[in-house]
Amino acid sequence: MKALVMARLTADLEVFEAASKSWGQDVRQYLERLRGSLADRNYLTPPELANTFPMGGGKQMHLLIWRFAHLLESWPALVDAARSLAASGVELAPRLDAG
């Protein structure tokens, strides 16, 4: 995502910088900050995780991604089991009324 923003802003700089030097300076400063954040090892860690686990936010992020991957891998089996149970008459949860 950041790379796309950087590419777009860089292209915009080439087109619009001459029209507004102050805008060009602001964009260049923003691009520098983005480049710096990409160099940070924990740039993928959401601030909430980093604040909650100051010494292990990256590890927590890795664990969450691993658990989500495991859920995605298991999803077809979960759907099959739910269909099988429903076909056998087992009510998995109360029906929700629309509206």
Foldseek 3Di string as FASTA:
>chain_A
DLVVVLVVLVVVCVVCCVVPVVVNVVSVVVSVVSVVLVPDPCSVQDPVLCVVCVPCSVVVVVVVVVVVVVCVVCVVVVVVVVVVCVVVVHDPDDDDDDD
